[in-house]
N, C-alpha and C. Protein backbone atom coordinates (compact mmCIF):
# COMPACT_ATOMS: atom_id res chain seq x y z
N UNK A 1 83.68 94.47 99.90
CA UNK A 1 84.91 94.88 100.54
C UNK A 1 85.73 95.65 99.52
N UNK A 2 86.15 96.87 99.85
CA UNK A 2 86.96 97.69 98.94
C UNK A 2 88.39 97.21 98.87
N UNK A 3 89.12 97.71 97.87
CA UNK A 3 90.50 97.28 97.65
C UNK A 3 91.37 97.57 98.87
N UNK A 4 91.12 98.65 99.57
CA UNK A 4 91.94 98.98 100.72
C UNK A 4 91.62 98.16 101.95
N UNK A 5 90.48 97.43 101.91
CA UNK A 5 90.04 96.70 103.09
C UNK A 5 90.47 95.23 103.09
N UNK A 6 91.15 94.78 102.06
CA UNK A 6 91.57 93.38 102.04
C UNK A 6 92.56 93.13 103.16
N UNK A 7 92.30 92.10 103.93
CA UNK A 7 93.18 91.77 105.05
C UNK A 7 94.16 90.69 104.61
N UNK A 8 95.38 90.78 105.09
CA UNK A 8 96.41 89.78 104.81
C UNK A 8 96.55 89.53 103.31
N UNK A 9 96.56 90.59 102.54
CA UNK A 9 96.67 90.50 101.09
C UNK A 9 98.12 90.78 100.70
N UNK A 10 98.67 89.92 99.85
CA UNK A 10 100.06 90.06 99.44
C UNK A 10 100.16 90.15 97.93
N UNK A 11 100.86 91.19 97.47
CA UNK A 11 101.13 91.36 96.06
C UNK A 11 102.56 90.89 95.80
N UNK A 12 102.71 89.99 94.83
CA UNK A 12 104.03 89.59 94.37
C UNK A 12 104.40 90.50 93.21
N UNK A 13 105.51 91.21 93.36
CA UNK A 13 105.95 92.17 92.35
C UNK A 13 107.18 91.64 91.64
N UNK A 14 107.13 91.69 90.31
CA UNK A 14 108.26 91.35 89.46
C UNK A 14 108.76 92.64 88.83
N UNK A 15 110.08 92.86 88.88
CA UNK A 15 110.63 94.09 88.30
C UNK A 15 112.14 93.95 88.13
N UNK A 16 112.73 94.97 87.53
CA UNK A 16 114.15 94.94 87.21
C UNK A 16 115.06 95.01 88.42
N UNK A 17 116.22 94.35 88.28
CA UNK A 17 117.22 94.39 89.35
C UNK A 17 118.54 95.00 88.87
N UNK A 18 118.62 95.34 87.58
CA UNK A 18 119.86 95.93 87.07
C UNK A 18 119.98 97.38 87.50
N UNK A 19 121.18 97.79 87.80
CA UNK A 19 121.42 99.15 88.31
C UNK A 19 121.42 100.20 87.21
N UNK A 20 121.22 99.78 85.97
CA UNK A 20 121.29 100.69 84.84
C UNK A 20 119.92 101.22 84.40
N UNK A 21 118.85 100.91 85.12
CA UNK A 21 117.52 101.34 84.70
C UNK A 21 117.35 102.84 84.92
N UNK A 22 116.50 103.48 84.12
CA UNK A 22 116.26 104.92 84.29
C UNK A 22 115.69 105.26 85.66
N UNK A 23 116.00 106.44 86.11
CA UNK A 23 115.52 106.95 87.41
C UNK A 23 113.99 106.91 87.50
N UNK A 24 113.30 107.14 86.39
CA UNK A 24 111.83 107.14 86.42
C UNK A 24 111.28 105.76 86.83
N UNK A 25 111.98 104.69 86.48
CA UNK A 25 111.54 103.37 86.88
C UNK A 25 111.80 103.11 88.36
N UNK A 26 112.87 103.67 88.88
CA UNK A 26 113.13 103.56 90.33
C UNK A 26 112.03 104.28 91.10
N UNK A 27 111.64 105.46 90.62
CA UNK A 27 110.56 106.21 91.26
C UNK A 27 109.24 105.45 91.17
N UNK A 28 109.00 104.82 90.03
CA UNK A 28 107.78 104.02 89.86
C UNK A 28 107.74 102.87 90.87
N UNK A 29 108.85 102.16 91.01
CA UNK A 29 108.90 101.05 91.95
C UNK A 29 108.65 101.53 93.38
N UNK A 30 109.23 102.67 93.74
CA UNK A 30 109.01 103.23 95.08
C UNK A 30 107.54 103.59 95.28
N UNK A 31 106.91 104.14 94.25
CA UNK A 31 105.49 104.48 94.36
C UNK A 31 104.64 103.23 94.53
N UNK A 32 104.97 102.18 93.84
CA UNK A 32 104.25 100.91 94.02
C UNK A 32 104.39 100.43 95.47
N UNK A 33 105.60 100.47 95.99
CA UNK A 33 105.82 100.06 97.38
C UNK A 33 105.03 100.91 98.36
N UNK A 34 105.03 102.23 98.14
CA UNK A 34 104.27 103.13 99.03
C UNK A 34 102.78 102.82 98.98
N UNK A 35 102.26 102.59 97.77
CA UNK A 35 100.82 102.35 97.66
C UNK A 35 100.42 100.97 98.17
N UNK A 36 101.29 99.99 98.07
CA UNK A 36 101.02 98.69 98.68
C UNK A 36 100.89 98.87 100.19
N UNK A 37 101.82 99.59 100.78
CA UNK A 37 101.78 99.84 102.23
C UNK A 37 100.55 100.64 102.62
N UNK A 38 100.21 101.66 101.83
CA UNK A 38 99.06 102.50 102.15
C UNK A 38 97.75 101.70 102.17
N UNK A 39 97.70 100.63 101.42
CA UNK A 39 96.51 99.78 101.40
C UNK A 39 96.53 98.74 102.52
N UNK A 40 97.62 98.70 103.28
CA UNK A 40 97.72 97.74 104.37
C UNK A 40 98.08 96.34 103.90
N UNK A 41 98.64 96.23 102.70
CA UNK A 41 99.01 94.95 102.11
C UNK A 41 100.45 94.60 102.41
N UNK A 42 100.84 93.41 102.03
CA UNK A 42 102.22 92.94 102.14
C UNK A 42 102.81 92.80 100.74
N UNK A 43 104.13 92.74 100.71
CA UNK A 43 104.87 92.62 99.45
C UNK A 43 105.72 91.36 99.47
N UNK A 44 105.66 90.63 98.37
CA UNK A 44 106.65 89.58 98.10
C UNK A 44 107.35 90.01 96.83
N UNK A 45 108.67 89.89 96.82
CA UNK A 45 109.45 90.30 95.65
C UNK A 45 110.72 89.47 95.61
N UNK A 46 111.56 89.71 94.62
CA UNK A 46 112.73 88.89 94.34
C UNK A 46 113.87 88.96 95.32
N UNK A 47 113.72 89.69 96.41
CA UNK A 47 114.70 89.66 97.50
C UNK A 47 115.94 90.51 97.33
N UNK A 48 116.05 91.25 96.23
CA UNK A 48 117.23 92.09 95.99
C UNK A 48 117.06 93.46 96.63
N UNK A 49 118.17 94.06 97.01
CA UNK A 49 118.15 95.42 97.56
C UNK A 49 118.57 96.45 96.52
N UNK A 50 118.80 96.01 95.28
CA UNK A 50 119.27 96.93 94.25
C UNK A 50 118.15 97.32 93.29
N UNK A 51 118.35 98.42 92.62
CA UNK A 51 117.51 98.89 91.52
C UNK A 51 116.04 98.93 91.92
N UNK A 52 115.18 98.56 90.99
CA UNK A 52 113.74 98.62 91.23
C UNK A 52 113.31 97.70 92.36
N UNK A 53 113.95 96.54 92.45
CA UNK A 53 113.61 95.61 93.53
C UNK A 53 113.86 96.27 94.89
N UNK A 54 114.98 96.92 95.03
CA UNK A 54 115.30 97.58 96.29
C UNK A 54 114.34 98.72 96.60
N UNK A 55 114.00 99.48 95.58
CA UNK A 55 113.09 100.62 95.78
C UNK A 55 111.71 100.17 96.23
N UNK A 56 111.15 99.16 95.57
CA UNK A 56 109.81 98.72 95.94
C UNK A 56 109.79 98.19 97.37
N UNK A 57 110.82 97.46 97.75
CA UNK A 57 110.83 96.88 99.11
C UNK A 57 111.08 97.93 100.17
N UNK A 58 112.01 98.84 99.93
CA UNK A 58 112.27 99.90 100.92
C UNK A 58 111.05 100.78 101.14
N UNK A 59 110.39 101.16 100.05
CA UNK A 59 109.21 102.02 100.18
C UNK A 59 108.07 101.29 100.88
N UNK A 60 107.88 100.02 100.56
CA UNK A 60 106.83 99.24 101.22
C UNK A 60 107.10 99.15 102.72
N UNK A 61 108.33 98.83 103.07
CA UNK A 61 108.69 98.72 104.50
C UNK A 61 108.54 100.06 105.21
N UNK A 62 108.98 101.13 104.56
CA UNK A 62 108.89 102.47 105.17
C UNK A 62 107.44 102.83 105.47
N UNK A 63 106.52 102.31 104.66
CA UNK A 63 105.10 102.57 104.87
C UNK A 63 104.43 101.58 105.81
N UNK A 64 105.19 100.62 106.33
CA UNK A 64 104.65 99.66 107.29
C UNK A 64 104.23 98.32 106.72
N UNK A 65 104.49 98.08 105.44
CA UNK A 65 104.12 96.80 104.84
C UNK A 65 105.10 95.71 105.27
N UNK A 66 104.61 94.52 105.39
CA UNK A 66 105.47 93.35 105.61
C UNK A 66 106.09 92.97 104.27
N UNK A 67 107.38 92.67 104.27
CA UNK A 67 108.08 92.32 103.03
C UNK A 67 108.71 90.94 103.15
N UNK A 68 108.48 90.14 102.10
CA UNK A 68 109.08 88.81 102.01
C UNK A 68 109.85 88.75 100.71
N UNK A 69 111.16 88.62 100.82
CA UNK A 69 112.02 88.51 99.66
C UNK A 69 112.38 87.07 99.40
N UNK A 70 112.47 86.70 98.13
CA UNK A 70 112.82 85.33 97.74
C UNK A 70 113.96 85.42 96.73
N UNK A 71 115.11 84.88 97.10
CA UNK A 71 116.28 85.02 96.24
C UNK A 71 117.04 83.70 96.14
N UNK A 72 117.48 83.34 94.94
CA UNK A 72 118.29 82.13 94.80
C UNK A 72 119.67 82.33 95.44
N UNK A 73 120.16 81.29 96.05
CA UNK A 73 121.46 81.32 96.73
C UNK A 73 122.55 81.92 95.82
N UNK A 74 122.56 81.55 94.54
CA UNK A 74 123.57 82.02 93.62
C UNK A 74 123.48 83.50 93.30
N UNK A 75 122.38 84.16 93.67
CA UNK A 75 122.22 85.59 93.38
C UNK A 75 122.32 86.46 94.63
N UNK A 76 122.57 85.86 95.78
CA UNK A 76 122.63 86.61 97.03
C UNK A 76 123.64 87.75 96.94
N UNK A 77 124.80 87.49 96.35
CA UNK A 77 125.81 88.53 96.20
C UNK A 77 125.59 89.40 94.99
N UNK A 78 125.23 88.81 93.87
CA UNK A 78 125.04 89.54 92.62
C UNK A 78 123.91 90.55 92.72
N UNK A 79 122.76 90.11 93.19
CA UNK A 79 121.60 91.00 93.31
C UNK A 79 121.57 91.70 94.67
N UNK A 80 122.50 91.41 95.53
CA UNK A 80 122.62 91.98 96.87
C UNK A 80 121.33 91.75 97.66
N UNK A 81 121.26 90.59 98.28
CA UNK A 81 120.08 90.21 99.05
C UNK A 81 119.74 91.27 100.08
N UNK A 82 118.46 91.54 100.23
CA UNK A 82 117.95 92.57 101.14
C UNK A 82 117.83 91.99 102.55
N UNK A 83 118.83 92.24 103.36
CA UNK A 83 118.83 91.69 104.72
C UNK A 83 117.89 92.45 105.65
N UNK A 84 117.23 93.47 105.16
CA UNK A 84 116.24 94.19 105.98
C UNK A 84 114.82 93.69 105.75
N UNK A 85 114.66 92.73 104.86
CA UNK A 85 113.33 92.15 104.62
C UNK A 85 112.80 91.58 105.93
N UNK A 86 111.50 91.63 106.09
CA UNK A 86 110.90 91.00 107.26
C UNK A 86 111.17 89.50 107.24
N UNK A 87 111.19 88.96 106.02
CA UNK A 87 111.52 87.55 105.83
C UNK A 87 112.29 87.45 104.52
N UNK A 88 113.47 86.87 104.57
CA UNK A 88 114.27 86.65 103.37
C UNK A 88 114.43 85.15 103.19
N UNK A 89 113.85 84.64 102.12
CA UNK A 89 113.91 83.21 101.83
C UNK A 89 114.98 82.98 100.78
N UNK A 90 116.01 82.23 101.12
CA UNK A 90 117.08 81.90 100.19
C UNK A 90 116.81 80.50 99.68
N UNK A 91 116.61 80.39 98.36
CA UNK A 91 116.23 79.13 97.74
C UNK A 91 117.36 78.65 96.83
N UNK A 92 117.23 77.45 96.31
CA UNK A 92 118.30 76.85 95.52
C UNK A 92 118.43 77.41 94.11
N UNK A 93 117.30 77.76 93.47
CA UNK A 93 117.38 78.14 92.06
C UNK A 93 116.19 79.01 91.67
N UNK A 94 116.17 79.42 90.39
CA UNK A 94 115.09 80.30 89.90
C UNK A 94 113.73 79.61 89.93
N UNK A 95 113.69 78.32 89.66
CA UNK A 95 112.41 77.62 89.71
C UNK A 95 111.83 77.64 91.10
N UNK A 96 112.69 77.43 92.10
CA UNK A 96 112.22 77.49 93.48
C UNK A 96 111.79 78.91 93.85
N UNK A 97 112.52 79.91 93.34
CA UNK A 97 112.17 81.31 93.60
C UNK A 97 110.76 81.59 93.08
N UNK A 98 110.50 81.23 91.83
CA UNK A 98 109.19 81.50 91.25
C UNK A 98 108.08 80.76 92.00
N UNK A 99 108.33 79.53 92.38
CA UNK A 99 107.32 78.76 93.11
C UNK A 99 107.03 79.39 94.47
N UNK A 100 108.06 79.84 95.16
CA UNK A 100 107.88 80.44 96.47
C UNK A 100 107.17 81.80 96.35
N UNK A 101 107.53 82.57 95.32
CA UNK A 101 106.87 83.86 95.11
C UNK A 101 105.39 83.65 94.76
N UNK A 102 105.11 82.62 93.97
CA UNK A 102 103.72 82.30 93.64
C UNK A 102 102.95 81.90 94.90
N UNK A 103 103.55 81.07 95.71
CA UNK A 103 102.88 80.59 96.93
C UNK A 103 102.56 81.72 97.90
N UNK A 104 103.39 82.75 97.91
CA UNK A 104 103.19 83.86 98.85
C UNK A 104 102.25 84.94 98.31
N UNK A 105 101.93 84.94 97.02
CA UNK A 105 101.17 86.03 96.43
C UNK A 105 99.69 85.75 96.25
N UNK A 106 98.90 86.79 96.47
CA UNK A 106 97.47 86.75 96.16
C UNK A 106 97.19 87.37 94.79
N UNK A 107 98.18 88.09 94.27
CA UNK A 107 98.12 88.69 92.94
C UNK A 107 99.55 88.91 92.48
N UNK A 108 99.72 89.03 91.14
CA UNK A 108 101.06 89.18 90.57
C UNK A 108 101.09 90.44 89.72
N UNK A 109 102.08 91.27 89.99
CA UNK A 109 102.20 92.56 89.32
C UNK A 109 103.58 92.68 88.69
N UNK A 110 103.61 92.84 87.36
CA UNK A 110 104.87 93.03 86.65
C UNK A 110 105.07 94.51 86.35
N UNK A 111 106.17 95.04 86.84
CA UNK A 111 106.60 96.40 86.51
C UNK A 111 107.56 96.28 85.32
N UNK A 112 108.02 97.39 84.79
CA UNK A 112 109.03 97.28 83.74
C UNK A 112 110.22 96.43 84.21
N UNK A 113 110.71 95.62 83.29
CA UNK A 113 111.84 94.75 83.61
C UNK A 113 112.36 94.11 82.35
N UNK A 114 113.28 93.19 82.52
CA UNK A 114 113.92 92.51 81.40
C UNK A 114 113.45 91.08 81.27
N UNK A 115 114.38 90.22 80.86
CA UNK A 115 114.00 88.84 80.56
C UNK A 115 113.56 88.07 81.81
N UNK A 116 114.16 88.35 82.96
CA UNK A 116 113.73 87.67 84.18
C UNK A 116 112.31 88.04 84.55
N UNK A 117 111.99 89.33 84.46
CA UNK A 117 110.64 89.79 84.74
C UNK A 117 109.65 89.17 83.76
N UNK A 118 110.03 89.13 82.49
CA UNK A 118 109.15 88.53 81.48
C UNK A 118 108.94 87.04 81.75
N UNK A 119 109.99 86.34 82.14
CA UNK A 119 109.86 84.92 82.44
C UNK A 119 108.85 84.71 83.57
N UNK A 120 108.98 85.50 84.63
CA UNK A 120 108.08 85.37 85.78
C UNK A 120 106.65 85.71 85.38
N UNK A 121 106.49 86.78 84.62
CA UNK A 121 105.17 87.19 84.15
C UNK A 121 104.53 86.09 83.31
N UNK A 122 105.28 85.56 82.35
CA UNK A 122 104.72 84.54 81.47
C UNK A 122 104.35 83.28 82.24
N UNK A 123 105.14 82.89 83.21
CA UNK A 123 104.80 81.69 83.97
C UNK A 123 103.50 81.87 84.75
N UNK A 124 103.35 83.01 85.42
CA UNK A 124 102.13 83.24 86.19
C UNK A 124 100.92 83.39 85.28
N UNK A 125 101.11 84.06 84.15
CA UNK A 125 100.01 84.24 83.19
C UNK A 125 99.61 82.90 82.59
N UNK A 126 100.57 82.10 82.15
CA UNK A 126 100.27 80.79 81.58
C UNK A 126 99.55 79.91 82.61
N UNK A 127 100.03 79.92 83.85
CA UNK A 127 99.38 79.12 84.90
C UNK A 127 97.93 79.54 85.10
N UNK A 128 97.68 80.84 85.02
CA UNK A 128 96.30 81.33 85.16
C UNK A 128 95.45 80.85 83.99
N UNK A 129 95.96 80.99 82.77
CA UNK A 129 95.22 80.58 81.58
C UNK A 129 94.89 79.08 81.65
N UNK A 130 95.81 78.29 82.19
CA UNK A 130 95.61 76.84 82.31
C UNK A 130 94.83 76.45 83.56
N UNK A 131 94.28 77.44 84.26
CA UNK A 131 93.46 77.24 85.47
C UNK A 131 94.23 76.57 86.60
N UNK A 132 95.54 76.80 86.65
CA UNK A 132 96.34 76.30 87.77
C UNK A 132 96.26 77.24 88.97
N UNK A 133 95.83 78.46 88.73
CA UNK A 133 95.48 79.41 89.78
C UNK A 133 94.49 80.40 89.19
N UNK A 134 93.83 81.15 90.05
CA UNK A 134 92.86 82.15 89.57
C UNK A 134 93.22 83.55 90.04
N UNK A 135 94.46 83.74 90.41
CA UNK A 135 94.91 85.03 90.93
C UNK A 135 95.13 86.02 89.78
N UNK A 136 94.87 87.31 90.03
CA UNK A 136 95.09 88.32 88.99
C UNK A 136 96.57 88.40 88.58
N UNK A 137 96.79 88.60 87.28
CA UNK A 137 98.12 88.83 86.73
C UNK A 137 98.03 90.17 86.01
N UNK A 138 98.81 91.14 86.49
CA UNK A 138 98.70 92.53 86.06
C UNK A 138 100.05 93.03 85.56
N UNK A 139 100.01 93.80 84.48
CA UNK A 139 101.21 94.44 83.95
C UNK A 139 101.04 95.94 84.10
N UNK A 140 101.98 96.59 84.76
CA UNK A 140 101.98 98.04 84.89
C UNK A 140 102.89 98.58 83.80
N UNK A 141 102.27 99.10 82.75
CA UNK A 141 102.97 99.55 81.55
C UNK A 141 102.85 101.07 81.43
N UNK A 142 103.61 101.77 82.26
CA UNK A 142 103.46 103.22 82.38
C UNK A 142 103.85 104.02 81.15
N UNK A 143 104.79 103.56 80.39
CA UNK A 143 105.29 104.36 79.26
C UNK A 143 105.48 103.55 77.99
N UNK A 144 104.71 102.50 77.86
CA UNK A 144 104.81 101.66 76.68
C UNK A 144 105.98 100.70 76.72
N UNK A 145 106.54 100.45 77.92
CA UNK A 145 107.66 99.52 78.07
C UNK A 145 107.34 98.17 77.42
N UNK A 146 106.10 97.73 77.58
CA UNK A 146 105.70 96.43 77.08
C UNK A 146 104.91 96.52 75.76
N UNK A 147 104.88 97.66 75.12
CA UNK A 147 104.10 97.84 73.89
C UNK A 147 104.45 96.79 72.84
N UNK A 148 105.73 96.60 72.58
CA UNK A 148 106.15 95.62 71.58
C UNK A 148 105.72 94.21 71.94
N UNK A 149 105.78 93.89 73.22
CA UNK A 149 105.35 92.56 73.68
C UNK A 149 103.86 92.37 73.41
N UNK A 150 103.05 93.36 73.74
CA UNK A 150 101.61 93.23 73.53
C UNK A 150 101.27 93.22 72.05
N UNK A 151 102.00 93.98 71.24
CA UNK A 151 101.79 93.92 69.78
C UNK A 151 102.05 92.50 69.28
N UNK A 152 103.13 91.90 69.74
CA UNK A 152 103.50 90.54 69.34
C UNK A 152 102.44 89.53 69.81
N UNK A 153 101.97 89.70 71.04
CA UNK A 153 100.96 88.78 71.56
C UNK A 153 99.67 88.86 70.75
N UNK A 154 99.26 90.08 70.37
CA UNK A 154 98.07 90.22 69.51
C UNK A 154 98.31 89.56 68.15
N UNK A 155 99.52 89.70 67.62
CA UNK A 155 99.86 89.04 66.36
C UNK A 155 99.77 87.52 66.50
N UNK A 156 100.29 87.00 67.61
CA UNK A 156 100.17 85.55 67.86
C UNK A 156 98.71 85.13 67.94
N UNK A 157 97.88 85.98 68.54
CA UNK A 157 96.45 85.70 68.60
C UNK A 157 95.85 85.63 67.21
N UNK A 158 96.23 86.59 66.36
CA UNK A 158 95.74 86.61 64.99
C UNK A 158 96.17 85.40 64.18
N UNK A 159 97.27 84.80 64.56
CA UNK A 159 97.76 83.60 63.87
C UNK A 159 97.21 82.31 64.49
N UNK A 160 96.42 82.45 65.54
CA UNK A 160 95.81 81.28 66.15
C UNK A 160 96.63 80.62 67.26
N UNK A 161 97.67 81.29 67.73
CA UNK A 161 98.51 80.68 68.77
C UNK A 161 98.15 81.12 70.19
N UNK A 162 97.42 82.20 70.33
CA UNK A 162 97.01 82.68 71.65
C UNK A 162 95.52 83.00 71.56
N UNK A 163 94.75 82.43 72.46
CA UNK A 163 93.30 82.66 72.43
C UNK A 163 92.96 84.06 72.95
N UNK A 164 91.80 84.54 72.54
CA UNK A 164 91.34 85.83 73.03
C UNK A 164 91.13 85.76 74.54
N UNK A 165 90.66 84.62 75.02
CA UNK A 165 90.47 84.43 76.47
C UNK A 165 91.79 84.62 77.21
N UNK A 166 92.87 84.06 76.66
CA UNK A 166 94.19 84.21 77.28
C UNK A 166 94.62 85.67 77.26
N UNK A 167 94.45 86.33 76.12
CA UNK A 167 94.82 87.74 76.02
C UNK A 167 94.04 88.58 77.01
N UNK A 168 92.75 88.29 77.14
CA UNK A 168 91.89 89.06 78.05
C UNK A 168 92.22 88.81 79.52
N UNK A 169 92.84 87.69 79.83
CA UNK A 169 93.12 87.36 81.24
C UNK A 169 94.34 88.10 81.78
N UNK A 170 95.15 88.68 80.91
CA UNK A 170 96.31 89.47 81.33
C UNK A 170 95.89 90.93 81.38
N UNK A 171 95.95 91.52 82.56
CA UNK A 171 95.45 92.88 82.76
C UNK A 171 96.60 93.87 82.56
N UNK A 172 96.41 94.80 81.64
CA UNK A 172 97.42 95.81 81.34
C UNK A 172 96.92 97.16 81.83
N UNK A 173 97.71 97.81 82.66
CA UNK A 173 97.34 99.10 83.22
C UNK A 173 98.46 100.11 82.97
N UNK A 174 98.14 101.39 83.19
CA UNK A 174 99.13 102.43 82.93
C UNK A 174 99.44 103.29 84.14
N UNK A 175 98.80 103.03 85.27
CA UNK A 175 99.13 103.80 86.48
C UNK A 175 99.07 102.89 87.71
N UNK A 176 99.74 103.31 88.75
CA UNK A 176 99.91 102.47 89.94
C UNK A 176 98.57 102.14 90.61
N UNK A 177 97.73 103.15 90.82
CA UNK A 177 96.48 102.90 91.53
C UNK A 177 95.60 101.91 90.77
N UNK A 178 95.50 102.06 89.46
CA UNK A 178 94.70 101.14 88.65
C UNK A 178 95.29 99.74 88.69
N UNK A 179 96.61 99.63 88.65
CA UNK A 179 97.26 98.33 88.72
C UNK A 179 96.95 97.63 90.04
N UNK A 180 97.04 98.36 91.13
CA UNK A 180 96.77 97.74 92.43
C UNK A 180 95.29 97.43 92.62
N UNK A 181 94.42 98.28 92.06
CA UNK A 181 92.99 97.95 92.09
C UNK A 181 92.75 96.64 91.34
N UNK A 182 93.41 96.46 90.20
CA UNK A 182 93.27 95.24 89.41
C UNK A 182 93.79 94.04 90.19
N UNK A 183 94.83 94.22 90.97
CA UNK A 183 95.36 93.13 91.80
C UNK A 183 94.32 92.66 92.82
N UNK A 184 93.52 93.59 93.31
CA UNK A 184 92.56 93.28 94.36
C UNK A 184 91.29 92.62 93.84
N UNK A 185 91.09 92.64 92.53
CA UNK A 185 89.82 92.11 91.96
C UNK A 185 89.96 90.68 91.51
């Protein structure tokens, strides 16, 4: 079965919600949303209508994808909850948000983002390494956004704190199509 033929496949996307991100990242998020929809997949994301979160969800919906947003009650106003989501789940806190996003996703894709994106990425990656799930964890690193992070992780590996198996289980890509192909495998 090819990547485009997966039925009822949902990608959970982690990305920035701050309104100060460069325009190129907004365009990237929109392209991810368009390509998720073009493959006939669904999107789960952090439930915000602003910044990259808003772009990925609007583009996915415009292409016909089902969208499920998950947002903590305390961030409904701050991150501006996306009331156009097919399903908007308002949860009590960040831990509940991550658990709900994990439950809805068949794969996890991190776009450029800040500490919240990194927290979500690390939790899903750690869970995979510990065999708590076997779903793909993918980083879309279009312009070296995560270069310093990966340099640090390799350094930790060299010091004996991160196994090569763990490093190999995190998939790093540089373009949208490759990232989504990795999500499907």
